[in-house]
Amino acid sequence: MPWSPSPILQPAEPPVRVTVDGEVFDVTTQPDHPGHYHYAWISGPNPGYGFSSASSDGRPSSMVDHEEAIRNFLSHVDPETGYLE
């Protein structure tokens, strides 16, 4: 069987826009992976950059959880490059 790329997963719902410390992220979920989130850094210097997170038990994240995840990500970003250190 020839190689083919994996299909791009579509989010279950439109993204939720979250602003933390002046930085804007679109948070999306995956319908087939409860508790999994992707954070697209909309205001960041590098288009398409962001991060993902998941709960081990599939528990949905609260807005406070999302804000904490974003703050943690931002605390590790090199301000010179806009990428993780």
C-alpha atoms as a PDB file:
ATOM      1  CA  MET A   1       0.000   0.000   0.000  1.00  0.00           C
ATOM      2  CA  PRO A   2       1.549   3.364  -0.987  1.00  0.00           C
ATOM      3  CA  TRP A   3       2.194   6.009   1.639  1.00  0.00           C
ATOM      4  CA  SER A   4      -0.372   8.777   2.012  1.00  0.00           C
ATOM      5  CA  PRO A   5      -0.507  11.620   4.499  1.00  0.00           C
ATOM      6  CA  SER A   6      -2.799  11.396   7.495  1.00  0.00           C
ATOM      7  CA  PRO A   7      -6.018  13.330   7.116  1.00  0.00           C
ATOM      8  CA  ILE A   8      -6.121  16.712   8.799  1.00  0.00           C
ATOM      9  CA  LEU A   9      -8.441  16.514  11.773  1.00  0.00           C
ATOM     10  CA  GLN A  10     -11.198  19.057  11.830  1.00  0.00           C
ATOM     11  CA  PRO A  11     -12.118  20.686  15.135  1.00  0.00           C
ATOM     12  CA  ALA A  12     -15.436  19.704  16.717  1.00  0.00           C
ATOM     13  CA  GLU A  13     -16.440  23.332  17.177  1.00  0.00           C
ATOM     14  CA  PRO A  14     -15.202  26.706  16.024  1.00  0.00           C
ATOM     15  CA  PRO A  15     -12.161  27.913  17.966  1.00  0.00           C
ATOM     16  CA  VAL A  16     -12.583  29.820  21.195  1.00  0.00           C
ATOM     17  CA  ARG A  17     -10.491  32.997  21.215  1.00  0.00           C
ATOM     18  CA  VAL A  18      -8.612  33.482  24.474  1.00  0.00           C
ATOM     19  CA  THR A  19      -6.482  36.503  25.365  1.00  0.00           C
ATOM     20  CA  VAL A  20      -3.883  36.074  28.112  1.00  0.00           C
ATOM     21  CA  ASP A  21      -1.446  38.801  29.112  1.00  0.00           C
ATOM     22  CA  GLY A  22      -2.101  40.587  25.808  1.00  0.00           C
ATOM     23  CA  GLU A  23      -1.448  37.497  23.660  1.00  0.00           C
ATOM     24  CA  VAL A  24      -4.257  36.002  21.573  1.00  0.00           C
ATOM     25  CA  PHE A  25      -4.799  32.257  21.054  1.00  0.00           C
ATOM     26  CA  ASP A  26      -7.492  30.264  19.264  1.00  0.00           C
ATOM     27  CA  VAL A  27      -8.280  27.114  21.243  1.00  0.00           C
ATOM     28  CA  THR A  28      -9.766  24.140  19.393  1.00  0.00           C
ATOM     29  CA  THR A  29     -10.806  20.642  20.410  1.00  0.00           C
ATOM     30  CA  GLN A  30     -10.818  17.394  18.457  1.00  0.00           C
ATOM     31  CA  PRO A  31     -14.105  15.468  18.274  1.00  0.00           C
ATOM     32  CA  ASP A  32     -12.435  12.072  18.491  1.00  0.00           C
ATOM     33  CA  HIS A  33     -10.086  12.978  21.383  1.00  0.00           C
ATOM     34  CA  PRO A  34     -11.948  14.393  24.416  1.00  0.00           C
ATOM     35  CA  GLY A  35      -9.764  16.588  26.599  1.00  0.00           C
ATOM     36  CA  HIS A  36      -7.280  17.298  23.765  1.00  0.00           C
ATOM     37  CA  TYR A  37      -6.732  20.933  22.786  1.00  0.00           C
ATOM     38  CA  HIS A  38      -4.690  22.839  20.250  1.00  0.00           C
ATOM     39  CA  TYR A  39      -3.670  26.435  20.956  1.00  0.00           C
ATOM     40  CA  ALA A  40      -2.893  28.522  17.867  1.00  0.00           C
ATOM     41  CA  TRP A  41      -0.895  31.649  18.811  1.00  0.00           C
ATOM     42  CA  ILE A  42      -2.698  34.247  16.714  1.00  0.00           C
ATOM     43  CA  SER A  43      -0.791  37.312  17.955  1.00  0.00           C
ATOM     44  CA  GLY A  44       2.593  35.572  18.007  1.00  0.00           C
ATOM     45  CA  PRO A  45       5.468  36.469  15.684  1.00  0.00           C
ATOM     46  CA  ASN A  46       5.525  33.080  13.908  1.00  0.00           C
ATOM     47  CA  PRO A  47       2.472  32.179  11.788  1.00  0.00           C
ATOM     48  CA  GLY A  48       1.072  28.739  12.535  1.00  0.00           C
ATOM     49  CA  TYR A  49       2.949  28.399  15.827  1.00  0.00           C
ATOM     50  CA  GLY A  50       1.316  27.187  19.013  1.00  0.00           C
ATOM     51  CA  PHE A  51       1.056  24.103  21.179  1.00  0.00           C
ATOM     52  CA  SER A  52      -1.229  21.244  22.151  1.00  0.00           C
ATOM     53  CA  SER A  53      -2.257  19.733  25.464  1.00  0.00           C
ATOM     54  CA  ALA A  54      -4.336  16.813  26.662  1.00  0.00           C
ATOM     55  CA  SER A  55      -5.743  15.513  29.903  1.00  0.00           C
ATOM     56  CA  SER A  56      -4.926  11.888  30.645  1.00  0.00           C
ATOM     57  CA  ASP A  57      -8.513  11.126  31.645  1.00  0.00           C
ATOM     58  CA  GLY A  58     -10.280  13.021  28.830  1.00  0.00           C
ATOM     59  CA  ARG A  59     -11.598  15.615  31.269  1.00  0.00           C
ATOM     60  CA  PRO A  60     -12.532  18.892  29.583  1.00  0.00           C
ATOM     61  CA  SER A  61     -10.468  21.947  30.523  1.00  0.00           C
ATOM     62  CA  SER A  62     -11.994  25.022  32.127  1.00  0.00           C
ATOM     63  CA  MET A  63     -11.177  28.557  31.003  1.00  0.00           C
ATOM     64  CA  VAL A  64      -8.837  28.825  34.008  1.00  0.00           C
ATOM     65  CA  ASP A  65      -7.074  25.635  32.809  1.00  0.00           C
ATOM     66  CA  HIS A  66      -6.665  27.139  29.319  1.00  0.00           C
ATOM     67  CA  GLU A  67      -5.300  30.396  30.728  1.00  0.00           C
ATOM     68  CA  GLU A  68      -2.801  28.509  32.901  1.00  0.00           C
ATOM     69  CA  ALA A  69      -1.661  26.384  29.946  1.00  0.00           C
ATOM     70  CA  ILE A  70      -1.150  29.508  27.831  1.00  0.00           C
ATOM     71  CA  ARG A  71       0.764  31.311  30.591  1.00  0.00           C
ATOM     72  CA  ASN A  72       2.980  28.279  31.048  1.00  0.00           C
ATOM     73  CA  PHE A  73       3.686  28.140  27.294  1.00  0.00           C
ATOM     74  CA  LEU A  74       4.452  31.871  27.145  1.00  0.00           C
ATOM     75  CA  SER A  75       6.833  31.596  30.122  1.00  0.00           C
ATOM     76  CA  HIS A  76       9.046  29.289  28.026  1.00  0.00           C
ATOM     77  CA  VAL A  77       9.046  31.340  24.812  1.00  0.00           C
ATOM     78  CA  ASP A  78      12.280  33.098  23.881  1.00  0.00           C
ATOM     79  CA  PRO A  79      11.318  36.756  23.336  1.00  0.00           C
ATOM     80  CA  GLU A  80      14.025  37.120  20.665  1.00  0.00           C
ATOM     81  CA  THR A  81      12.793  34.282  18.450  1.00  0.00           C
ATOM     82  CA  GLY A  82       9.170  33.751  19.481  1.00  0.00           C
ATOM     83  CA  TYR A  83       9.848  30.008  19.803  1.00  0.00           C
ATOM     84  CA  LEU A  84      10.219  27.783  22.830  1.00  0.00           C
ATOM     85  CA  GLU A  85      13.656  28.048  24.442  1.00  0.00           C
END
